[in-house]
Amino acid sequence: MSTVEYNLSELRKEIVPYKPIIIAVTKYFGADKLIEAYNDGLRDFAENRVQDALEKFGSLSDEIKQNSRFHLIGHLQSNKVKKAVGNFDLIHSIDSLKLAETVSKEALQKGIVQKILLQVNNANEEAKSGFAVEDLRKAFPEIIALKGVKVEGLMNIAPIASESELRVLFQGMLDLKQELEKDFAYELKELSMGMSSDYKIAVEYGSTMIRIGRKLFT
């Protein structure tokens, strides 16, 4: 049994009965590890940088490309929007109304609707991107009205914190998701939260997608 196969088996045991989508984060790993994960049954893969993603994902076989979903989870700069739109099944890191508008405009020019998540910085960390909760409440109706994007849900990147602090943050994300759904009669299917260090807690609070790198590949 390979390292990836063993780690994936253990990971799946730990997230029963929640069964979120496991997104393999290949940022620090080569295409060989991605192929190994694909052969072990994973179909969702993520990168942080647009250019790195296009090079790595572009090198894959047609079979893998046609049967996988590719995610952008890192900060999206406005000058990279043209390259990102249409090349990712889901962009997790839309962190402002302006960026959402730019992505929507590019998608319309390409004749597509780009699926996105809205990144929330509910820990209010200065060094991290993301909507402040109150700013998202204000911007949400404008974002969901954009024709070139489809808001699939919310995403956050939790800080290194105690279990009790993480529980508060993840509960806050779940509350925000439910509040937005109720106030705007809009379904948010996805809640992308939880990484290698905190996924066990995140799934307890409704995470539908966990982003796993080193826990899977090392």
N, C-alpha and C. Protein backbone atom coordinates (compact mmCIF):
# COMPACT_ATOMS: atom_id res chain seq x y z
N MET A 1 0.86 -1.20 0.00
CA MET A 1 0.00 0.00 0.00
C MET A 1 0.89 1.25 0.00
N SER A 2 0.62 2.16 -0.93
CA SER A 2 1.42 3.38 -1.02
C SER A 2 1.09 4.33 0.14
N THR A 3 1.97 5.32 0.33
CA THR A 3 1.75 6.32 1.39
C THR A 3 0.43 7.05 1.19
N VAL A 4 0.17 7.48 -0.05
CA VAL A 4 -1.06 8.21 -0.33
C VAL A 4 -2.28 7.33 -0.09
N GLU A 5 -2.21 6.11 -0.53
CA GLU A 5 -3.34 5.19 -0.36
C GLU A 5 -3.63 4.95 1.12
N TYR A 6 -2.55 4.77 1.90
CA TYR A 6 -2.72 4.55 3.35
C TYR A 6 -3.30 5.80 4.02
N ASN A 7 -2.71 6.97 3.71
CA ASN A 7 -3.19 8.21 4.33
C ASN A 7 -4.64 8.50 3.97
N LEU A 8 -5.00 8.23 2.73
CA LEU A 8 -6.38 8.46 2.29
C LEU A 8 -7.34 7.53 3.03
N SER A 9 -6.92 6.28 3.20
CA SER A 9 -7.75 5.32 3.92
C SER A 9 -7.99 5.77 5.36
N GLU A 10 -6.94 6.23 6.02
CA GLU A 10 -7.06 6.71 7.40
C GLU A 10 -7.92 7.97 7.47
N LEU A 11 -7.73 8.86 6.52
CA LEU A 11 -8.50 10.11 6.47
C LEU A 11 -9.98 9.83 6.33
N ARG A 12 -10.32 8.91 5.46
CA ARG A 12 -11.74 8.58 5.24
C ARG A 12 -12.37 7.99 6.50
N LYS A 13 -11.60 7.22 7.25
CA LYS A 13 -12.12 6.67 8.51
C LYS A 13 -12.42 7.79 9.50
N GLU A 14 -11.56 8.81 9.51
CA GLU A 14 -11.69 9.89 10.49
C GLU A 14 -12.87 10.81 10.22
N ILE A 15 -13.29 10.90 8.97
CA ILE A 15 -14.36 11.86 8.64
C ILE A 15 -15.72 11.21 8.48
N VAL A 16 -15.80 9.92 8.79
CA VAL A 16 -17.11 9.26 8.89
C VAL A 16 -17.80 9.83 10.13
N PRO A 17 -19.07 10.18 10.10
CA PRO A 17 -20.04 10.00 9.01
C PRO A 17 -20.23 11.23 8.14
N TYR A 18 -19.34 12.22 8.26
CA TYR A 18 -19.59 13.51 7.60
C TYR A 18 -19.41 13.45 6.08
N LYS A 19 -18.38 12.75 5.63
CA LYS A 19 -18.13 12.52 4.20
C LYS A 19 -18.05 13.81 3.37
N PRO A 20 -17.22 14.76 3.76
CA PRO A 20 -17.00 15.93 2.90
C PRO A 20 -16.18 15.52 1.67
N ILE A 21 -16.17 16.37 0.68
CA ILE A 21 -15.28 16.15 -0.46
C ILE A 21 -13.84 16.41 -0.01
N ILE A 22 -12.96 15.48 -0.32
CA ILE A 22 -11.55 15.65 0.00
C ILE A 22 -10.87 16.28 -1.21
N ILE A 23 -10.35 17.48 -1.01
CA ILE A 23 -9.62 18.17 -2.08
C ILE A 23 -8.13 18.01 -1.79
N ALA A 24 -7.43 17.36 -2.70
CA ALA A 24 -6.00 17.14 -2.54
C ALA A 24 -5.25 18.41 -2.96
N VAL A 25 -4.55 19.01 -2.01
CA VAL A 25 -3.80 20.24 -2.28
C VAL A 25 -2.38 19.85 -2.70
N THR A 26 -2.06 20.11 -3.96
CA THR A 26 -0.80 19.65 -4.52
C THR A 26 0.27 20.74 -4.58
N LYS A 27 0.06 21.81 -3.85
CA LYS A 27 0.95 22.98 -3.89
C LYS A 27 2.42 22.61 -3.75
N TYR A 28 2.76 21.76 -2.79
CA TYR A 28 4.15 21.42 -2.52
C TYR A 28 4.56 20.07 -3.11
N PHE A 29 3.74 19.53 -3.99
CA PHE A 29 3.97 18.18 -4.49
C PHE A 29 3.86 18.15 -6.01
N GLY A 30 4.56 17.22 -6.62
CA GLY A 30 4.59 17.13 -8.08
C GLY A 30 3.37 16.44 -8.65
N ALA A 31 3.31 16.46 -9.99
CA ALA A 31 2.20 15.83 -10.69
C ALA A 31 2.15 14.33 -10.42
N ASP A 32 3.31 13.74 -10.09
CA ASP A 32 3.33 12.30 -9.81
C ASP A 32 2.47 11.95 -8.60
N LYS A 33 2.49 12.82 -7.59
CA LYS A 33 1.66 12.60 -6.40
C LYS A 33 0.18 12.79 -6.72
N LEU A 34 -0.11 13.75 -7.58
CA LEU A 34 -1.50 13.97 -8.00
C LEU A 34 -2.02 12.73 -8.74
N ILE A 35 -1.21 12.21 -9.62
CA ILE A 35 -1.61 11.01 -10.38
C ILE A 35 -1.83 9.83 -9.42
N GLU A 36 -0.97 9.72 -8.42
CA GLU A 36 -1.12 8.65 -7.43
C GLU A 36 -2.44 8.80 -6.69
N ALA A 37 -2.76 10.03 -6.30
CA ALA A 37 -4.02 10.28 -5.60
C ALA A 37 -5.21 9.97 -6.50
N TYR A 38 -5.10 10.32 -7.78
CA TYR A 38 -6.17 10.01 -8.73
C TYR A 38 -6.37 8.50 -8.83
N ASN A 39 -5.28 7.78 -8.92
CA ASN A 39 -5.36 6.32 -9.02
C ASN A 39 -5.94 5.68 -7.75
N ASP A 40 -5.85 6.41 -6.64
CA ASP A 40 -6.42 5.92 -5.38
C ASP A 40 -7.86 6.40 -5.17
N GLY A 41 -8.41 7.08 -6.17
CA GLY A 41 -9.83 7.42 -6.14
C GLY A 41 -10.19 8.88 -5.95
N LEU A 42 -9.22 9.75 -5.72
CA LEU A 42 -9.54 11.17 -5.55
C LEU A 42 -9.80 11.82 -6.91
N ARG A 43 -10.70 12.80 -6.92
CA ARG A 43 -11.06 13.46 -8.16
C ARG A 43 -11.03 14.99 -8.05
N ASP A 44 -10.66 15.50 -6.88
CA ASP A 44 -10.62 16.96 -6.67
C ASP A 44 -9.22 17.38 -6.28
N PHE A 45 -8.66 18.35 -7.02
CA PHE A 45 -7.27 18.76 -6.82
C PHE A 45 -7.18 20.29 -6.80
N ALA A 46 -6.30 20.80 -5.95
CA ALA A 46 -6.22 22.25 -5.76
C ALA A 46 -4.79 22.75 -5.79
N GLU A 47 -4.65 23.96 -6.27
CA GLU A 47 -3.38 24.68 -6.24
C GLU A 47 -3.63 26.09 -5.72
N ASN A 48 -2.56 26.73 -5.24
CA ASN A 48 -2.66 28.09 -4.71
C ASN A 48 -2.42 29.16 -5.77
N ARG A 49 -1.55 28.87 -6.72
CA ARG A 49 -1.17 29.86 -7.72
C ARG A 49 -1.68 29.46 -9.11
N VAL A 50 -2.17 30.44 -9.82
CA VAL A 50 -2.77 30.18 -11.14
C VAL A 50 -1.76 29.55 -12.09
N GLN A 51 -0.57 30.15 -12.20
CA GLN A 51 0.40 29.66 -13.17
C GLN A 51 0.88 28.25 -12.84
N ASP A 52 1.14 28.01 -11.54
CA ASP A 52 1.55 26.66 -11.12
C ASP A 52 0.48 25.64 -11.46
N ALA A 53 -0.77 26.03 -11.24
CA ALA A 53 -1.88 25.12 -11.51
C ALA A 53 -1.99 24.80 -12.99
N LEU A 54 -1.89 25.82 -13.84
CA LEU A 54 -2.04 25.60 -15.27
C LEU A 54 -0.94 24.69 -15.80
N GLU A 55 0.27 24.86 -15.28
CA GLU A 55 1.38 24.02 -15.72
C GLU A 55 1.21 22.58 -15.23
N LYS A 56 0.87 22.42 -13.95
CA LYS A 56 0.76 21.07 -13.39
C LYS A 56 -0.45 20.34 -13.94
N PHE A 57 -1.59 20.99 -13.91
CA PHE A 57 -2.81 20.33 -14.40
C PHE A 57 -2.73 20.11 -15.91
N GLY A 58 -2.08 21.03 -16.60
CA GLY A 58 -1.96 20.90 -18.05
C GLY A 58 -1.11 19.73 -18.49
N SER A 59 -0.24 19.25 -17.60
CA SER A 59 0.65 18.14 -17.93
C SER A 59 -0.02 16.78 -17.76
N LEU A 60 -1.23 16.77 -17.24
CA LEU A 60 -1.90 15.51 -16.94
C LEU A 60 -2.49 14.87 -18.20
N SER A 61 -2.77 13.59 -18.10
CA SER A 61 -3.39 12.89 -19.22
C SER A 61 -4.82 13.38 -19.44
N ASP A 62 -5.33 13.16 -20.64
CA ASP A 62 -6.70 13.57 -20.94
C ASP A 62 -7.70 12.87 -20.02
N GLU A 63 -7.42 11.62 -19.68
CA GLU A 63 -8.33 10.89 -18.80
C GLU A 63 -8.47 11.60 -17.46
N ILE A 64 -7.34 11.97 -16.88
CA ILE A 64 -7.38 12.62 -15.56
C ILE A 64 -8.06 13.98 -15.67
N LYS A 65 -7.71 14.75 -16.71
CA LYS A 65 -8.30 16.08 -16.87
C LYS A 65 -9.82 16.02 -17.05
N GLN A 66 -10.27 15.03 -17.78
CA GLN A 66 -11.71 14.92 -18.08
C GLN A 66 -12.52 14.40 -16.88
N ASN A 67 -11.86 13.71 -15.98
CA ASN A 67 -12.57 13.09 -14.87
C ASN A 67 -12.28 13.73 -13.51
N SER A 68 -11.60 14.86 -13.52
CA SER A 68 -11.25 15.53 -12.27
C SER A 68 -11.85 16.92 -12.21
N ARG A 69 -11.88 17.45 -11.00
CA ARG A 69 -12.28 18.85 -10.80
C ARG A 69 -11.09 19.59 -10.23
N PHE A 70 -10.82 20.78 -10.77
CA PHE A 70 -9.65 21.54 -10.38
C PHE A 70 -10.08 22.82 -9.65
N HIS A 71 -9.41 23.07 -8.53
CA HIS A 71 -9.79 24.16 -7.63
C HIS A 71 -8.64 25.15 -7.48
N LEU A 72 -8.96 26.43 -7.43
CA LEU A 72 -7.99 27.47 -7.07
C LEU A 72 -8.32 27.91 -5.66
N ILE A 73 -7.37 27.74 -4.74
CA ILE A 73 -7.65 28.06 -3.33
C ILE A 73 -6.82 29.22 -2.81
N GLY A 74 -5.83 29.68 -3.59
CA GLY A 74 -5.01 30.80 -3.16
C GLY A 74 -5.58 32.13 -3.60
N HIS A 75 -4.99 33.19 -3.08
CA HIS A 75 -5.43 34.56 -3.42
C HIS A 75 -5.36 34.78 -4.93
N LEU A 76 -6.43 35.31 -5.49
CA LEU A 76 -6.49 35.58 -6.93
C LEU A 76 -6.27 37.06 -7.17
N GLN A 77 -5.14 37.38 -7.81
CA GLN A 77 -4.87 38.76 -8.17
C GLN A 77 -5.67 39.13 -9.41
N SER A 78 -6.06 40.38 -9.49
CA SER A 78 -6.90 40.81 -10.60
C SER A 78 -6.22 40.61 -11.95
N ASN A 79 -4.89 40.71 -11.98
CA ASN A 79 -4.19 40.54 -13.26
C ASN A 79 -4.05 39.07 -13.68
N LYS A 80 -4.52 38.16 -12.82
CA LYS A 80 -4.51 36.73 -13.15
C LYS A 80 -5.92 36.20 -13.47
N VAL A 81 -6.91 37.08 -13.41
CA VAL A 81 -8.30 36.65 -13.62
C VAL A 81 -8.50 36.06 -15.01
N LYS A 82 -7.90 36.69 -16.02
CA LYS A 82 -8.09 36.21 -17.40
C LYS A 82 -7.62 34.76 -17.54
N LYS A 83 -6.50 34.42 -16.89
CA LYS A 83 -5.96 33.06 -16.97
C LYS A 83 -6.76 32.08 -16.11
N ALA A 84 -7.34 32.58 -15.02
CA ALA A 84 -8.03 31.70 -14.07
C ALA A 84 -9.43 31.31 -14.54
N VAL A 85 -10.15 32.27 -15.06
CA VAL A 85 -11.56 32.02 -15.42
C VAL A 85 -11.64 30.98 -16.54
N GLY A 86 -12.42 29.96 -16.29
CA GLY A 86 -12.61 28.90 -17.27
C GLY A 86 -11.63 27.76 -17.14
N ASN A 87 -10.57 27.96 -16.36
CA ASN A 87 -9.58 26.90 -16.19
C ASN A 87 -9.70 26.19 -14.85
N PHE A 88 -10.60 26.67 -14.00
CA PHE A 88 -10.85 26.02 -12.72
C PHE A 88 -12.34 25.74 -12.59
N ASP A 89 -12.66 24.56 -12.09
CA ASP A 89 -14.06 24.23 -11.86
C ASP A 89 -14.64 25.08 -10.74
N LEU A 90 -13.78 25.45 -9.78
CA LEU A 90 -14.25 26.25 -8.66
C LEU A 90 -13.12 27.13 -8.16
N ILE A 91 -13.38 28.42 -8.05
CA ILE A 91 -12.43 29.36 -7.46
C ILE A 91 -12.91 29.66 -6.04
N HIS A 92 -12.12 29.27 -5.06
CA HIS A 92 -12.52 29.37 -3.65
C HIS A 92 -12.30 30.75 -3.05
N SER A 93 -11.49 31.59 -3.69
CA SER A 93 -10.89 32.73 -2.99
C SER A 93 -11.37 34.09 -3.48
N ILE A 94 -12.65 34.22 -3.79
CA ILE A 94 -13.18 35.53 -4.15
C ILE A 94 -13.39 36.33 -2.88
N ASP A 95 -12.61 37.41 -2.74
CA ASP A 95 -12.54 38.10 -1.45
C ASP A 95 -13.01 39.54 -1.47
N SER A 96 -13.62 39.98 -2.58
CA SER A 96 -14.15 41.34 -2.65
C SER A 96 -15.20 41.43 -3.74
N LEU A 97 -16.06 42.41 -3.63
CA LEU A 97 -17.06 42.65 -4.66
C LEU A 97 -16.38 42.99 -5.98
N LYS A 98 -15.33 43.80 -5.91
CA LYS A 98 -14.61 44.20 -7.13
C LYS A 98 -14.05 42.98 -7.85
N LEU A 99 -13.45 42.04 -7.12
CA LEU A 99 -12.91 40.84 -7.75
C LEU A 99 -14.02 39.99 -8.36
N ALA A 100 -15.13 39.87 -7.66
CA ALA A 100 -16.27 39.12 -8.19
C ALA A 100 -16.75 39.74 -9.50
N GLU A 101 -16.80 41.05 -9.55
CA GLU A 101 -17.23 41.75 -10.77
C GLU A 101 -16.25 41.51 -11.91
N THR A 102 -14.96 41.52 -11.60
CA THR A 102 -13.94 41.29 -12.62
C THR A 102 -14.03 39.88 -13.17
N VAL A 103 -14.22 38.91 -12.28
CA VAL A 103 -14.36 37.51 -12.70
C VAL A 103 -15.62 37.34 -13.55
N SER A 104 -16.71 37.95 -13.13
CA SER A 104 -17.97 37.86 -13.87
C SER A 104 -17.82 38.44 -15.27
N LYS A 105 -17.18 39.59 -15.37
CA LYS A 105 -16.99 40.23 -16.67
C LYS A 105 -16.17 39.34 -17.61
N GLU A 106 -15.09 38.75 -17.09
CA GLU A 106 -14.25 37.88 -17.90
C GLU A 106 -15.01 36.63 -18.33
N ALA A 107 -15.80 36.07 -17.41
CA ALA A 107 -16.58 34.87 -17.72
C ALA A 107 -17.58 35.15 -18.83
N LEU A 108 -18.24 36.28 -18.75
CA LEU A 108 -19.22 36.64 -19.79
C LEU A 108 -18.56 36.81 -21.14
N GLN A 109 -17.35 37.37 -21.14
CA GLN A 109 -16.62 37.53 -22.40
C GLN A 109 -16.27 36.17 -23.00
N LYS A 110 -16.07 35.17 -22.13
CA LYS A 110 -15.74 33.82 -22.59
C LYS A 110 -16.98 32.97 -22.82
N GLY A 111 -18.15 33.53 -22.50
CA GLY A 111 -19.40 32.81 -22.73
C GLY A 111 -19.65 31.70 -21.73
N ILE A 112 -19.15 31.85 -20.50
CA ILE A 112 -19.32 30.83 -19.47
C ILE A 112 -19.82 31.47 -18.18
N VAL A 113 -20.20 30.62 -17.24
CA VAL A 113 -20.49 31.05 -15.87
C VAL A 113 -19.46 30.37 -14.97
N GLN A 114 -18.67 31.17 -14.28
CA GLN A 114 -17.62 30.64 -13.41
C GLN A 114 -18.16 30.38 -12.01
N LYS A 115 -17.98 29.16 -11.52
CA LYS A 115 -18.40 28.83 -10.16
C LYS A 115 -17.36 29.37 -9.17
N ILE A 116 -17.86 29.98 -8.10
CA ILE A 116 -16.97 30.60 -7.11
C ILE A 116 -17.45 30.33 -5.69
N LEU A 117 -16.52 30.48 -4.76
CA LEU A 117 -16.83 30.58 -3.34
C LEU A 117 -16.39 31.95 -2.86
N LEU A 118 -17.03 32.43 -1.82
CA LEU A 118 -16.68 33.72 -1.24
C LEU A 118 -15.84 33.48 0.02
N GLN A 119 -14.62 34.00 0.00
CA GLN A 119 -13.70 33.78 1.12
C GLN A 119 -14.02 34.76 2.25
N VAL A 120 -14.18 34.21 3.45
CA VAL A 120 -14.54 35.01 4.62
C VAL A 120 -13.39 34.99 5.62
N ASN A 121 -12.98 36.15 6.05
CA ASN A 121 -11.92 36.28 7.05
C ASN A 121 -12.60 36.56 8.40
N ASN A 122 -13.27 35.54 8.93
CA ASN A 122 -14.05 35.79 10.15
C ASN A 122 -13.20 35.77 11.41
N ALA A 123 -11.88 35.52 11.25
CA ALA A 123 -10.95 35.68 12.38
C ALA A 123 -10.36 37.08 12.39
N ASN A 124 -10.70 37.88 11.38
CA ASN A 124 -10.23 39.27 11.26
C ASN A 124 -8.70 39.36 11.31
N GLU A 125 -8.04 38.48 10.58
CA GLU A 125 -6.58 38.51 10.52
C GLU A 125 -6.12 39.51 9.46
N GLU A 126 -5.27 40.43 9.85
CA GLU A 126 -4.82 41.47 8.94
C GLU A 126 -4.02 40.92 7.77
N ALA A 127 -3.30 39.82 7.99
CA ALA A 127 -2.42 39.27 6.96
C ALA A 127 -3.16 38.39 5.96
N LYS A 128 -4.44 38.13 6.19
CA LYS A 128 -5.18 37.25 5.30
C LYS A 128 -6.25 37.99 4.52
N SER A 129 -6.50 37.47 3.32
CA SER A 129 -7.56 38.03 2.49
C SER A 129 -8.91 37.52 2.97
N GLY A 130 -9.94 38.10 2.42
CA GLY A 130 -11.28 37.62 2.75
C GLY A 130 -12.20 38.74 3.17
N PHE A 131 -13.49 38.52 2.98
CA PHE A 131 -14.49 39.48 3.42
C PHE A 131 -14.58 39.52 4.94
N ALA A 132 -14.68 40.69 5.50
CA ALA A 132 -15.17 40.80 6.87
C ALA A 132 -16.65 40.42 6.83
N VAL A 133 -17.14 39.84 7.90
CA VAL A 133 -18.51 39.31 7.90
C VAL A 133 -19.52 40.38 7.51
N GLU A 134 -19.42 41.54 8.11
CA GLU A 134 -20.39 42.60 7.83
C GLU A 134 -20.28 43.09 6.38
N ASP A 135 -19.06 43.14 5.85
CA ASP A 135 -18.88 43.56 4.46
C ASP A 135 -19.52 42.55 3.50
N LEU A 136 -19.43 41.28 3.83
CA LEU A 136 -20.04 40.26 2.97
C LEU A 136 -21.56 40.38 3.00
N ARG A 137 -22.12 40.63 4.16
CA ARG A 137 -23.57 40.79 4.24
C ARG A 137 -24.04 41.91 3.30
N LYS A 138 -23.26 42.99 3.24
CA LYS A 138 -23.64 44.13 2.40
C LYS A 138 -23.44 43.83 0.91
N ALA A 139 -22.36 43.11 0.60
CA ALA A 139 -22.02 42.88 -0.81
C ALA A 139 -22.76 41.70 -1.42
N PHE A 140 -23.26 40.80 -0.59
CA PHE A 140 -23.82 39.54 -1.07
C PHE A 140 -24.91 39.72 -2.13
N PRO A 141 -25.89 40.59 -1.95
CA PRO A 141 -26.94 40.70 -2.98
C PRO A 141 -26.40 41.16 -4.33
N GLU A 142 -25.37 42.01 -4.31
CA GLU A 142 -24.78 42.45 -5.58
C GLU A 142 -24.01 41.32 -6.25
N ILE A 143 -23.33 40.50 -5.46
CA ILE A 143 -22.53 39.42 -6.03
C ILE A 143 -23.42 38.35 -6.66
N ILE A 144 -24.47 37.97 -5.96
CA ILE A 144 -25.32 36.90 -6.51
C ILE A 144 -26.13 37.38 -7.73
N ALA A 145 -26.16 38.69 -7.93
CA ALA A 145 -26.86 39.23 -9.10
C ALA A 145 -25.98 39.25 -10.35
N LEU A 146 -24.67 39.05 -10.18
CA LEU A 146 -23.75 39.06 -11.32
C LEU A 146 -24.05 37.88 -12.24
N LYS A 147 -24.06 38.12 -13.54
CA LYS A 147 -24.47 37.10 -14.50
C LYS A 147 -23.37 36.10 -14.84
N GLY A 148 -22.12 36.47 -14.62
CA GLY A 148 -21.03 35.62 -15.05
C GLY A 148 -20.46 34.70 -13.99
N VAL A 149 -21.02 34.77 -12.78
CA VAL A 149 -20.55 33.90 -11.71
C VAL A 149 -21.73 33.21 -11.03
N LYS A 150 -21.44 32.05 -10.46
CA LYS A 150 -22.42 31.34 -9.65
C LYS A 150 -21.78 31.08 -8.29
N VAL A 151 -22.35 31.70 -7.27
CA VAL A 151 -21.82 31.53 -5.91
C VAL A 151 -22.28 30.19 -5.36
N GLU A 152 -21.33 29.29 -5.18
CA GLU A 152 -21.64 27.95 -4.70
C GLU A 152 -21.61 27.85 -3.18
N GLY A 153 -20.92 28.79 -2.52
CA GLY A 153 -20.83 28.70 -1.06
C GLY A 153 -19.77 29.64 -0.50
N LEU A 154 -19.32 29.30 0.70
CA LEU A 154 -18.36 30.12 1.43
C LEU A 154 -17.09 29.32 1.71
N MET A 155 -16.00 30.03 1.96
CA MET A 155 -14.72 29.42 2.30
C MET A 155 -14.03 30.24 3.37
N ASN A 156 -13.31 29.56 4.27
CA ASN A 156 -12.41 30.30 5.15
C ASN A 156 -11.12 29.55 5.37
N ILE A 157 -10.10 30.29 5.79
CA ILE A 157 -8.82 29.72 6.18
C ILE A 157 -8.63 30.07 7.64
N ALA A 158 -8.78 29.09 8.49
CA ALA A 158 -8.70 29.36 9.93
C ALA A 158 -7.25 29.56 10.35
N PRO A 159 -7.02 30.39 11.36
CA PRO A 159 -5.67 30.58 11.88
C PRO A 159 -5.23 29.39 12.72
N ILE A 160 -3.96 29.36 13.06
CA ILE A 160 -3.49 28.40 14.06
C ILE A 160 -4.03 28.86 15.40
N ALA A 161 -4.87 28.07 15.99
CA ALA A 161 -5.58 28.50 17.20
C ALA A 161 -5.95 27.29 18.04
N SER A 162 -6.45 27.57 19.22
CA SER A 162 -6.87 26.48 20.10
C SER A 162 -8.14 25.84 19.56
N GLU A 163 -8.44 24.65 20.04
CA GLU A 163 -9.64 23.96 19.58
C GLU A 163 -10.89 24.78 19.87
N SER A 164 -10.94 25.39 21.03
CA SER A 164 -12.13 26.18 21.38
C SER A 164 -12.28 27.38 20.46
N GLU A 165 -11.17 28.01 20.10
CA GLU A 165 -11.23 29.16 19.18
C GLU A 165 -11.65 28.71 17.79
N LEU A 166 -11.14 27.57 17.34
CA LEU A 166 -11.52 27.05 16.03
C LEU A 166 -13.00 26.72 15.98
N ARG A 167 -13.50 26.16 17.05
CA ARG A 167 -14.93 25.82 17.09
C ARG A 167 -15.79 27.07 16.94
N VAL A 168 -15.38 28.15 17.58
CA VAL A 168 -16.12 29.41 17.47
C VAL A 168 -16.11 29.91 16.02
N LEU A 169 -14.94 29.83 15.38
CA LEU A 169 -14.82 30.33 14.01
C LEU A 169 -15.63 29.48 13.03
N PHE A 170 -15.54 28.16 13.16
CA PHE A 170 -16.28 27.29 12.26
C PHE A 170 -17.79 27.40 12.49
N GLN A 171 -18.19 27.54 13.74
CA GLN A 171 -19.61 27.75 14.03
C GLN A 171 -20.08 29.07 13.41
N GLY A 172 -19.21 30.08 13.47
CA GLY A 172 -19.54 31.37 12.88
C GLY A 172 -19.75 31.27 11.38
N MET A 173 -18.94 30.46 10.72
CA MET A 173 -19.11 30.26 9.28
C MET A 173 -20.43 29.57 8.96
N LEU A 174 -20.75 28.55 9.73
CA LEU A 174 -22.02 27.85 9.52
C LEU A 174 -23.20 28.79 9.75
N ASP A 175 -23.11 29.59 10.81
CA ASP A 175 -24.19 30.55 11.10
C ASP A 175 -24.35 31.55 9.97
N LEU A 176 -23.21 32.05 9.45
CA LEU A 176 -23.24 33.03 8.37
C LEU A 176 -23.86 32.43 7.11
N LYS A 177 -23.47 31.22 6.78
CA LYS A 177 -24.04 30.52 5.62
C LYS A 177 -25.55 30.42 5.75
N GLN A 178 -26.02 29.98 6.90
CA GLN A 178 -27.47 29.80 7.10
C GLN A 178 -28.20 31.14 7.10
N GLU A 179 -27.55 32.16 7.64
CA GLU A 179 -28.15 33.49 7.67
C GLU A 179 -28.32 34.05 6.26
N LEU A 180 -27.28 33.93 5.43
CA LEU A 180 -27.35 34.43 4.06
C LEU A 180 -28.40 33.66 3.25
N GLU A 181 -28.45 32.35 3.45
CA GLU A 181 -29.45 31.55 2.75
C GLU A 181 -30.86 32.01 3.09
N LYS A 182 -31.07 32.26 4.37
CA LYS A 182 -32.41 32.67 4.81
C LYS A 182 -32.75 34.08 4.35
N ASP A 183 -31.82 35.01 4.53
CA ASP A 183 -32.10 36.42 4.22
C ASP A 183 -32.27 36.69 2.73
N PHE A 184 -31.56 35.90 1.90
CA PHE A 184 -31.60 36.17 0.46
C PHE A 184 -32.24 35.06 -0.36
N ALA A 185 -32.82 34.07 0.33
CA ALA A 185 -33.46 32.93 -0.34
C ALA A 185 -32.56 32.36 -1.42
N TYR A 186 -31.32 32.09 -1.02
CA TYR A 186 -30.28 31.64 -1.95
C TYR A 186 -29.55 30.45 -1.34
N GLU A 187 -29.46 29.37 -2.09
CA GLU A 187 -28.80 28.17 -1.57
C GLU A 187 -27.28 28.26 -1.71
N LEU A 188 -26.59 28.07 -0.60
CA LEU A 188 -25.14 27.97 -0.59
C LEU A 188 -24.79 26.51 -0.31
N LYS A 189 -24.44 25.78 -1.36
CA LYS A 189 -24.27 24.33 -1.22
C LYS A 189 -22.98 23.95 -0.51
N GLU A 190 -21.95 24.78 -0.68
CA GLU A 190 -20.63 24.39 -0.19
C GLU A 190 -20.14 25.26 0.96
N LEU A 191 -19.42 24.61 1.86
CA LEU A 191 -18.75 25.29 2.97
C LEU A 191 -17.34 24.70 3.01
N SER A 192 -16.41 25.42 2.40
CA SER A 192 -15.04 24.93 2.27
C SER A 192 -14.23 25.42 3.47
N MET A 193 -14.00 24.52 4.40
CA MET A 193 -13.19 24.89 5.57
C MET A 193 -12.60 23.63 6.18
N GLY A 194 -11.41 23.78 6.69
CA GLY A 194 -10.68 22.66 7.26
C GLY A 194 -9.52 22.25 6.39
N MET A 195 -8.32 22.23 7.01
CA MET A 195 -7.11 21.79 6.33
C MET A 195 -6.48 20.67 7.16
N SER A 196 -5.24 20.33 6.85
CA SER A 196 -4.62 19.17 7.49
C SER A 196 -4.62 19.24 9.01
N SER A 197 -4.54 20.44 9.56
CA SER A 197 -4.42 20.58 11.02
C SER A 197 -5.76 20.68 11.74
N ASP A 198 -6.85 20.97 11.02
CA ASP A 198 -8.10 21.26 11.73
C ASP A 198 -9.35 20.66 11.07
N TYR A 199 -9.16 19.77 10.10
CA TYR A 199 -10.32 19.24 9.36
C TYR A 199 -11.27 18.44 10.25
N LYS A 200 -10.72 17.79 11.28
CA LYS A 200 -11.59 16.98 12.15
C LYS A 200 -12.63 17.85 12.85
N ILE A 201 -12.24 19.06 13.18
CA ILE A 201 -13.17 20.00 13.82
C ILE A 201 -14.10 20.61 12.78
N ALA A 202 -13.54 20.97 11.64
CA ALA A 202 -14.34 21.65 10.60
C ALA A 202 -15.54 20.82 10.16
N VAL A 203 -15.35 19.51 10.02
CA VAL A 203 -16.45 18.68 9.53
C VAL A 203 -17.61 18.63 10.52
N GLU A 204 -17.32 18.85 11.79
CA GLU A 204 -18.39 18.87 12.80
C GLU A 204 -19.32 20.06 12.60
N TYR A 205 -18.83 21.08 11.90
CA TYR A 205 -19.61 22.31 11.72
C TYR A 205 -20.06 22.49 10.27
N GLY A 206 -20.24 21.38 9.59
CA GLY A 206 -20.89 21.44 8.28
C GLY A 206 -19.98 21.63 7.09
N SER A 207 -18.66 21.48 7.27
CA SER A 207 -17.78 21.61 6.11
C SER A 207 -18.13 20.55 5.07
N THR A 208 -18.27 20.99 3.83
CA THR A 208 -18.55 20.06 2.73
C THR A 208 -17.31 19.78 1.90
N MET A 209 -16.25 20.58 2.15
CA MET A 209 -15.00 20.42 1.42
C MET A 209 -13.84 20.64 2.38
N ILE A 210 -12.93 19.67 2.46
CA ILE A 210 -11.73 19.86 3.26
C ILE A 210 -10.53 19.85 2.32
N ARG A 211 -9.57 20.74 2.59
CA ARG A 211 -8.43 20.95 1.70
C ARG A 211 -7.19 20.33 2.37
N ILE A 212 -6.73 19.20 1.83
CA ILE A 212 -5.72 18.42 2.51
C ILE A 212 -4.46 18.28 1.65
N GLY A 213 -3.32 18.68 2.21
CA GLY A 213 -2.05 18.57 1.52
C GLY A 213 -1.12 17.58 2.21
N ARG A 214 -0.37 18.08 3.21
CA ARG A 214 0.66 17.25 3.83
C ARG A 214 0.09 16.00 4.51
N LYS A 215 -1.10 16.10 5.05
CA LYS A 215 -1.73 14.95 5.70
C LYS A 215 -1.94 13.81 4.71
N LEU A 216 -2.09 14.15 3.47
CA LEU A 216 -2.35 13.16 2.43
C LEU A 216 -1.07 12.64 1.79
N PHE A 217 -0.11 13.56 1.57
CA PHE A 217 1.04 13.23 0.74
C PHE A 217 2.33 12.90 1.50
N THR A 218 2.34 13.08 2.82
CA THR A 218 3.59 12.81 3.56
C THR A 218 3.36 11.79 4.68
